[in-house]
All heavy atoms as atom14 arrays in JSON, in Angstrom:
{
  "sequence": "SLIRQAENAWEVIFRIVDSTDIEKLKEKEQVLMEQL",
  "atom14_mask": [
    [1, 1, 1, 1, 1, 1, 0, 0, 0, 0, 0, 0, 0, 0],
    [1, 1, 1, 1, 1, 1, 1, 1, 0, 0, 0, 0, 0, 0],
    [1, 1, 1, 1, 1, 1, 1, 1, 0, 0, 0, 0, 0, 0],
    [1, 1, 1, 1, 1, 1, 1, 1, 1, 1, 1, 0, 0, 0],
    [1, 1, 1, 1, 1, 1, 1, 1, 1, 0, 0, 0, 0, 0],
    [1, 1, 1, 1, 1, 0, 0, 0, 0, 0, 0, 0, 0, 0],
    [1, 1, 1, 1, 1, 1, 1, 1, 1, 0, 0, 0, 0, 0],
    [1, 1, 1, 1, 1, 1, 1, 1, 0, 0, 0, 0, 0, 0],
    [1, 1, 1, 1, 1, 0, 0, 0, 0, 0, 0, 0, 0, 0],
    [1, 1, 1, 1, 1, 1, 1, 1, 1, 1, 1, 1, 1, 1],
    [1, 1, 1, 1, 1, 1, 1, 1, 1, 0, 0, 0, 0, 0],
    [1, 1, 1, 1, 1, 1, 1, 0, 0, 0, 0, 0, 0, 0],
    [1, 1, 1, 1, 1, 1, 1, 1, 0, 0, 0, 0, 0, 0],
    [1, 1, 1, 1, 1, 1, 1, 1, 1, 1, 1, 0, 0, 0],
    [1, 1, 1, 1, 1, 1, 1, 1, 1, 1, 1, 0, 0, 0],
    [1, 1, 1, 1, 1, 1, 1, 1, 0, 0, 0, 0, 0, 0],
    [1, 1, 1, 1, 1, 1, 1, 0, 0, 0, 0, 0, 0, 0],
    [1, 1, 1, 1, 1, 1, 1, 1, 0, 0, 0, 0, 0, 0],
    [1, 1, 1, 1, 1, 1, 0, 0, 0, 0, 0, 0, 0, 0],
    [1, 1, 1, 1, 1, 1, 1, 0, 0, 0, 0, 0, 0, 0],
    [1, 1, 1, 1, 1, 1, 1, 1, 0, 0, 0, 0, 0, 0],
    [1, 1, 1, 1, 1, 1, 1, 1, 0, 0, 0, 0, 0, 0],
    [1, 1, 1, 1, 1, 1, 1, 1, 1, 0, 0, 0, 0, 0],
    [1, 1, 1, 1, 1, 1, 1, 1, 1, 0, 0, 0, 0, 0],
    [1, 1, 1, 1, 1, 1, 1, 1, 0, 0, 0, 0, 0, 0],
    [1, 1, 1, 1, 1, 1, 1, 1, 1, 0, 0, 0, 0, 0],
    [1, 1, 1, 1, 1, 1, 1, 1, 1, 0, 0, 0, 0, 0],
    [1, 1, 1, 1, 1, 1, 1, 1, 1, 0, 0, 0, 0, 0],
    [1, 1, 1, 1, 1, 1, 1, 1, 1, 0, 0, 0, 0, 0],
    [1, 1, 1, 1, 1, 1, 1, 1, 1, 0, 0, 0, 0, 0],
    [1, 1, 1, 1, 1, 1, 1, 0, 0, 0, 0, 0, 0, 0],
    [1, 1, 1, 1, 1, 1, 1, 1, 0, 0, 0, 0, 0, 0],
    [1, 1, 1, 1, 1, 1, 1, 1, 0, 0, 0, 0, 0, 0],
    [1, 1, 1, 1, 1, 1, 1, 1, 1, 0, 0, 0, 0, 0],
    [1, 1, 1, 1, 1, 1, 1, 1, 1, 0, 0, 0, 0, 0],
    [1, 1, 1, 1, 1, 1, 1, 1, 0, 0, 0, 0, 0, 0]
  ],
  "atom14_positions": [
    [[111.13, 88.12, 109.51], [111.52, 89.51, 109.75], [113.03, 89.72, 109.53], [113.52, 90.84, 109.67], [111.14, 89.95, 111.16], [111.76, 89.12, 112.12], [0.0, 0.0, 0.0], [0.0, 0.0, 0.0], [0.0, 0.0, 0.0], [0.0, 0.0, 0.0], [0.0, 0.0, 0.0], [0.0, 0.0, 0.0], [0.0, 0.0, 0.0], [0.0, 0.0, 0.0]],
    [[113.73, 88.65, 109.17], [115.16, 88.75, 108.89], [115.44, 88.21, 107.49], [114.74, 87.32, 107.02], [115.97, 87.94, 109.91], [115.9, 88.37, 111.38], [116.74, 87.44, 112.24], [116.34, 89.81, 111.57], [0.0, 0.0, 0.0], [0.0, 0.0, 0.0], [0.0, 0.0, 0.0], [0.0, 0.0, 0.0], [0.0, 0.0, 0.0], [0.0, 0.0, 0.0]],
    [[116.47, 88.74, 106.89], [116.91, 88.25, 105.58], [118.42, 88.08, 105.62], [119.14, 88.91, 106.17], [116.49, 89.22, 104.46], [116.84, 88.6, 103.1], [117.17, 90.59, 104.61], [116.28, 89.39, 101.93], [0.0, 0.0, 0.0], [0.0, 0.0, 0.0], [0.0, 0.0, 0.0], [0.0, 0.0, 0.0], [0.0, 0.0, 0.0], [0.0, 0.0, 0.0]],
    [[118.89, 86.91, 105.09], [120.31, 86.64, 105.04], [120.96, 87.6, 104.04], [120.65, 87.58, 102.85], [120.52, 85.18, 104.61], [121.91, 84.62, 104.89], [121.97, 83.19, 104.37], [123.22, 82.53, 104.7], [123.35, 81.63, 105.66], [122.3, 81.29, 106.41], [124.52, 81.06, 105.89], [0.0, 0.0, 0.0], [0.0, 0.0, 0.0], [0.0, 0.0, 0.0]],
    [[121.89, 88.4, 104.53], [122.45, 89.48, 103.7], [123.85, 89.16, 103.18], [124.15, 89.42, 102.01], [122.51, 90.79, 104.51], [123.07, 91.98, 103.74], [122.88, 93.27, 104.49], [121.8, 93.86, 104.46], [123.91, 93.7, 105.19], [0.0, 0.0, 0.0], [0.0, 0.0, 0.0], [0.0, 0.0, 0.0], [0.0, 0.0, 0.0], [0.0, 0.0, 0.0]],
    [[124.7, 88.57, 104.03], [126.07, 88.28, 103.61], [126.69, 87.28, 104.56], [126.17, 87.03, 105.66], [126.89, 89.57, 103.59], [0.0, 0.0, 0.0], [0.0, 0.0, 0.0], [0.0, 0.0, 0.0], [0.0, 0.0, 0.0], [0.0, 0.0, 0.0], [0.0, 0.0, 0.0], [0.0, 0.0, 0.0], [0.0, 0.0, 0.0], [0.0, 0.0, 0.0]],
    [[127.78, 86.67, 104.12], [128.52, 85.78, 104.99], [129.96, 85.69, 104.53], [130.29, 86.04, 103.4], [127.89, 84.39, 104.99], [127.92, 83.66, 103.65], [127.28, 82.3, 103.74], [127.97, 81.37, 104.21], [126.11, 82.17, 103.33], [0.0, 0.0, 0.0], [0.0, 0.0, 0.0], [0.0, 0.0, 0.0], [0.0, 0.0, 0.0], [0.0, 0.0, 0.0]],
    [[130.84, 85.27, 105.46], [132.24, 85.05, 105.14], [132.67, 83.72, 105.77], [131.81, 82.92, 106.16], [133.11, 86.22, 105.61], [132.91, 86.52, 107.09], [132.8, 85.61, 107.91], [132.88, 87.81, 107.43], [0.0, 0.0, 0.0], [0.0, 0.0, 0.0], [0.0, 0.0, 0.0], [0.0, 0.0, 0.0], [0.0, 0.0, 0.0], [0.0, 0.0, 0.0]],
    [[133.92, 83.48, 105.92], [134.38, 82.19, 106.42], [134.02, 81.96, 107.88], [134.0, 80.81, 108.36], [135.9, 82.07, 106.23], [0.0, 0.0, 0.0], [0.0, 0.0, 0.0], [0.0, 0.0, 0.0], [0.0, 0.0, 0.0], [0.0, 0.0, 0.0], [0.0, 0.0, 0.0], [0.0, 0.0, 0.0], [0.0, 0.0, 0.0], [0.0, 0.0, 0.0]],
    [[133.7, 83.06, 108.6], [133.49, 82.91, 110.05], [132.08, 83.34, 110.5], [131.59, 82.88, 111.5], [134.49, 83.79, 110.82], [135.9, 83.47, 110.47], [136.67, 82.48, 111.0], [136.7, 84.14, 109.51], [137.91, 82.48, 110.43], [137.97, 83.5, 109.5], [136.5, 85.21, 108.63], [139.01, 83.89, 108.66], [137.53, 85.61, 107.82], [138.77, 84.94, 107.83]],
    [[131.43, 84.27, 109.72], [130.19, 84.86, 110.21], [129.11, 84.84, 109.13], [129.4, 84.77, 107.93], [130.43, 86.31, 110.64], [131.42, 86.48, 111.77], [131.75, 87.94, 112.01], [131.72, 88.73, 111.03], [132.02, 88.29, 113.17], [0.0, 0.0, 0.0], [0.0, 0.0, 0.0], [0.0, 0.0, 0.0], [0.0, 0.0, 0.0], [0.0, 0.0, 0.0]],
    [[127.86, 84.95, 109.64], [126.7, 85.14, 108.75], [125.96, 86.39, 109.25], [125.75, 86.56, 110.45], [125.75, 83.92, 108.76], [124.55, 84.17, 107.84], [126.5, 82.66, 108.34], [0.0, 0.0, 0.0], [0.0, 0.0, 0.0], [0.0, 0.0, 0.0], [0.0, 0.0, 0.0], [0.0, 0.0, 0.0], [0.0, 0.0, 0.0], [0.0, 0.0, 0.0]],
    [[125.59, 87.28, 108.29], [124.94, 88.54, 108.65], [123.5, 88.51, 108.16], [123.22, 88.23, 106.99], [125.68, 89.73, 108.01], [127.16, 89.74, 108.46], [125.01, 91.05, 108.39], [128.01, 90.76, 107.72], [0.0, 0.0, 0.0], [0.0, 0.0, 0.0], [0.0, 0.0, 0.0], [0.0, 0.0, 0.0], [0.0, 0.0, 0.0], [0.0, 0.0, 0.0]],
    [[122.58, 88.86, 109.09], [121.15, 88.97, 108.78], [120.72, 90.43, 108.98], [121.14, 91.08, 109.95], [120.32, 88.06, 109.69], [120.44, 86.6, 109.37], [121.5, 85.84, 109.85], [119.49, 85.98, 108.56], [121.61, 84.49, 109.55], [119.61, 84.63, 108.25], [120.67, 83.89, 108.75], [0.0, 0.0, 0.0], [0.0, 0.0, 0.0], [0.0, 0.0, 0.0]],
    [[119.87, 90.88, 108.06], [119.34, 92.24, 108.16], [117.85, 92.19, 108.47], [117.13, 91.33, 107.94], [119.57, 92.99, 106.85], [119.0, 94.41, 106.82], [119.4, 95.12, 105.54], [119.03, 94.36, 104.35], [117.81, 94.4, 103.8], [116.84, 95.12, 104.36], [117.55, 93.69, 102.71], [0.0, 0.0, 0.0], [0.0, 0.0, 0.0], [0.0, 0.0, 0.0]],
    [[117.39, 93.15, 109.31], [115.97, 93.22, 109.66], [115.19, 93.73, 108.46], [115.58, 94.69, 107.8], [115.75, 94.14, 110.87], [116.44, 93.56, 112.1], [114.26, 94.34, 111.14], [116.37, 94.46, 113.31], [0.0, 0.0, 0.0], [0.0, 0.0, 0.0], [0.0, 0.0, 0.0], [0.0, 0.0, 0.0], [0.0, 0.0, 0.0], [0.0, 0.0, 0.0]],
    [[114.07, 93.1, 108.2], [113.18, 93.49, 107.1], [111.92, 94.12, 107.69], [111.29, 93.56, 108.61], [112.8, 92.27, 106.24], [111.85, 92.69, 105.11], [114.04, 91.61, 105.68], [0.0, 0.0, 0.0], [0.0, 0.0, 0.0], [0.0, 0.0, 0.0], [0.0, 0.0, 0.0], [0.0, 0.0, 0.0], [0.0, 0.0, 0.0], [0.0, 0.0, 0.0]],
    [[111.6, 95.34, 107.18], [110.37, 95.98, 107.65], [109.15, 95.15, 107.26], [109.11, 94.55, 106.18], [110.24, 97.39, 107.06], [111.2, 98.39, 107.71], [111.56, 98.17, 108.89], [111.58, 99.37, 107.04], [0.0, 0.0, 0.0], [0.0, 0.0, 0.0], [0.0, 0.0, 0.0], [0.0, 0.0, 0.0], [0.0, 0.0, 0.0], [0.0, 0.0, 0.0]],
    [[108.16, 95.21, 108.13], [106.91, 94.49, 107.86], [106.14, 95.16, 106.74], [106.43, 96.3, 106.34], [106.06, 94.44, 109.12], [105.63, 95.76, 109.45], [0.0, 0.0, 0.0], [0.0, 0.0, 0.0], [0.0, 0.0, 0.0], [0.0, 0.0, 0.0], [0.0, 0.0, 0.0], [0.0, 0.0, 0.0], [0.0, 0.0, 0.0], [0.0, 0.0, 0.0]],
    [[105.13, 94.47, 106.24], [104.29, 95.03, 105.18], [103.63, 96.32, 105.63], [103.53, 97.3, 104.87], [103.21, 94.01, 104.76], [103.86, 92.79, 104.34], [102.37, 94.55, 103.62], [0.0, 0.0, 0.0], [0.0, 0.0, 0.0], [0.0, 0.0, 0.0], [0.0, 0.0, 0.0], [0.0, 0.0, 0.0], [0.0, 0.0, 0.0], [0.0, 0.0, 0.0]],
    [[103.16, 96.33, 106.89], [102.51, 97.54, 107.41], [103.49, 98.73, 107.46], [103.12, 99.86, 107.13], [101.96, 97.27, 108.81], [100.77, 96.3, 108.8], [100.14, 96.19, 107.72], [100.51, 95.68, 109.83], [0.0, 0.0, 0.0], [0.0, 0.0, 0.0], [0.0, 0.0, 0.0], [0.0, 0.0, 0.0], [0.0, 0.0, 0.0], [0.0, 0.0, 0.0]],
    [[104.73, 98.45, 107.86], [105.73, 99.53, 107.91], [106.04, 100.02, 106.49], [106.17, 101.23, 106.25], [107.01, 99.06, 108.62], [106.74, 98.82, 110.11], [108.14, 100.07, 108.43], [107.92, 98.29, 110.88], [0.0, 0.0, 0.0], [0.0, 0.0, 0.0], [0.0, 0.0, 0.0], [0.0, 0.0, 0.0], [0.0, 0.0, 0.0], [0.0, 0.0, 0.0]],
    [[106.13, 99.09, 105.52], [106.4, 99.48, 104.14], [105.3, 100.38, 103.6], [105.57, 101.36, 102.88], [106.55, 98.25, 103.26], [107.83, 97.45, 103.49], [109.06, 98.22, 103.1], [108.95, 99.19, 102.31], [110.16, 97.87, 103.58], [0.0, 0.0, 0.0], [0.0, 0.0, 0.0], [0.0, 0.0, 0.0], [0.0, 0.0, 0.0], [0.0, 0.0, 0.0]],
    [[104.07, 100.09, 103.96], [102.95, 100.94, 103.51], [103.06, 102.34, 104.11], [102.79, 103.34, 103.45], [101.63, 100.29, 103.89], [101.29, 99.04, 103.07], [99.96, 98.45, 103.51], [99.6, 97.22, 102.69], [98.32, 96.61, 103.11], [0.0, 0.0, 0.0], [0.0, 0.0, 0.0], [0.0, 0.0, 0.0], [0.0, 0.0, 0.0], [0.0, 0.0, 0.0]],
    [[103.46, 102.38, 105.41], [103.62, 103.69, 106.05], [104.77, 104.48, 105.41], [104.69, 105.71, 105.25], [103.89, 103.51, 107.55], [102.68, 103.07, 108.39], [103.11, 102.74, 109.81], [101.62, 104.19, 108.42], [0.0, 0.0, 0.0], [0.0, 0.0, 0.0], [0.0, 0.0, 0.0], [0.0, 0.0, 0.0], [0.0, 0.0, 0.0], [0.0, 0.0, 0.0]],
    [[105.82, 103.8, 105.03], [106.94, 104.47, 104.37], [106.52, 105.04, 103.01], [106.95, 106.14, 102.62], [108.1, 103.49, 104.2], [108.83, 103.19, 105.52], [109.75, 101.99, 105.41], [110.88, 102.2, 104.45], [111.79, 101.04, 104.42], [0.0, 0.0, 0.0], [0.0, 0.0, 0.0], [0.0, 0.0, 0.0], [0.0, 0.0, 0.0], [0.0, 0.0, 0.0]],
    [[105.68, 104.31, 102.31], [105.17, 104.82, 101.03], [104.31, 106.06, 101.26], [104.39, 107.03, 100.49], [104.37, 103.74, 100.33], [105.21, 102.57, 99.83], [104.35, 101.46, 99.24], [103.11, 101.63, 99.2], [104.91, 100.42, 98.82], [0.0, 0.0, 0.0], [0.0, 0.0, 0.0], [0.0, 0.0, 0.0], [0.0, 0.0, 0.0], [0.0, 0.0, 0.0]],
    [[103.53, 106.01, 102.31], [102.69, 107.18, 102.64], [103.56, 108.38, 103.0], [103.28, 109.52, 102.58], [101.77, 106.82, 103.81], [100.81, 107.94, 104.19], [99.88, 107.49, 105.31], [98.9, 108.61, 105.68], [97.99, 108.2, 106.78], [0.0, 0.0, 0.0], [0.0, 0.0, 0.0], [0.0, 0.0, 0.0], [0.0, 0.0, 0.0], [0.0, 0.0, 0.0]],
    [[104.62, 108.12, 103.75], [105.54, 109.2, 104.12], [106.18, 109.81, 102.88], [106.33, 111.04, 102.77], [106.64, 108.66, 105.05], [107.65, 109.72, 105.46], [108.86, 109.14, 106.17], [109.09, 107.92, 106.09], [109.61, 109.93, 106.79], [0.0, 0.0, 0.0], [0.0, 0.0, 0.0], [0.0, 0.0, 0.0], [0.0, 0.0, 0.0], [0.0, 0.0, 0.0]],
    [[106.55, 108.98, 101.9], [107.17, 109.47, 100.68], [106.22, 110.38, 99.9], [106.63, 111.43, 99.39], [107.6, 108.29, 99.81], [108.28, 108.66, 98.5], [109.58, 109.4, 98.72], [110.27, 109.17, 99.72], [109.9, 110.32, 97.81], [0.0, 0.0, 0.0], [0.0, 0.0, 0.0], [0.0, 0.0, 0.0], [0.0, 0.0, 0.0], [0.0, 0.0, 0.0]],
    [[104.97, 110.0, 99.83], [103.97, 110.84, 99.15], [103.83, 112.18, 99.84], [103.79, 113.24, 99.19], [102.61, 110.11, 99.09], [101.52, 111.04, 98.58], [102.7, 108.87, 98.21], [0.0, 0.0, 0.0], [0.0, 0.0, 0.0], [0.0, 0.0, 0.0], [0.0, 0.0, 0.0], [0.0, 0.0, 0.0], [0.0, 0.0, 0.0], [0.0, 0.0, 0.0]],
    [[103.74, 112.15, 101.18], [103.63, 113.4, 101.94], [104.86, 114.29, 101.74], [104.74, 115.52, 101.6], [103.44, 113.1, 103.43], [102.1, 112.47, 103.83], [102.13, 112.01, 105.29], [100.96, 113.48, 103.63], [0.0, 0.0, 0.0], [0.0, 0.0, 0.0], [0.0, 0.0, 0.0], [0.0, 0.0, 0.0], [0.0, 0.0, 0.0], [0.0, 0.0, 0.0]],
    [[106.06, 113.68, 101.7], [107.28, 114.44, 101.5], [107.31, 115.1, 100.13], [107.75, 116.25, 99.99], [108.49, 113.52, 101.66], [108.8, 113.14, 103.1], [109.25, 114.57, 104.12], [110.72, 115.13, 103.27], [0.0, 0.0, 0.0], [0.0, 0.0, 0.0], [0.0, 0.0, 0.0], [0.0, 0.0, 0.0], [0.0, 0.0, 0.0], [0.0, 0.0, 0.0]],
    [[106.83, 114.4, 99.12], [106.78, 114.98, 97.78], [105.82, 116.16, 97.73], [106.1, 117.18, 97.1], [106.38, 113.92, 96.76], [107.46, 112.86, 96.55], [106.99, 111.73, 95.67], [105.79, 111.75, 95.27], [107.78, 110.81, 95.37], [0.0, 0.0, 0.0], [0.0, 0.0, 0.0], [0.0, 0.0, 0.0], [0.0, 0.0, 0.0], [0.0, 0.0, 0.0]],
    [[104.69, 116.01, 98.42], [103.73, 117.13, 98.49], [104.34, 118.32, 99.24], [104.17, 119.48, 98.83], [102.45, 116.66, 99.19], [101.66, 115.63, 98.4], [100.47, 115.1, 99.17], [100.3, 115.4, 100.36], [99.65, 114.28, 98.51], [0.0, 0.0, 0.0], [0.0, 0.0, 0.0], [0.0, 0.0, 0.0], [0.0, 0.0, 0.0], [0.0, 0.0, 0.0]],
    [[105.08, 118.02, 100.31], [105.72, 119.08, 101.1], [106.78, 119.8, 100.27], [106.87, 121.05, 100.29], [106.33, 118.48, 102.36], [107.06, 119.46, 103.3], [106.12, 120.54, 103.81], [107.69, 118.7, 104.47], [0.0, 0.0, 0.0], [0.0, 0.0, 0.0], [0.0, 0.0, 0.0], [0.0, 0.0, 0.0], [0.0, 0.0, 0.0], [0.0, 0.0, 0.0]]
  ]
}
C-alpha cells in the first residue's frame, strides 16, 4: 500500500497507493462526472 517516491541524504519518502478496489471506484466516479 506504499510506494517509494523520493529520497535525499537524510530522508526517504513513501506515498500511499490506492487499492485496486479504490481505483475501480475512481474510474466509476470519472465516468459519472463526464455524464454529469
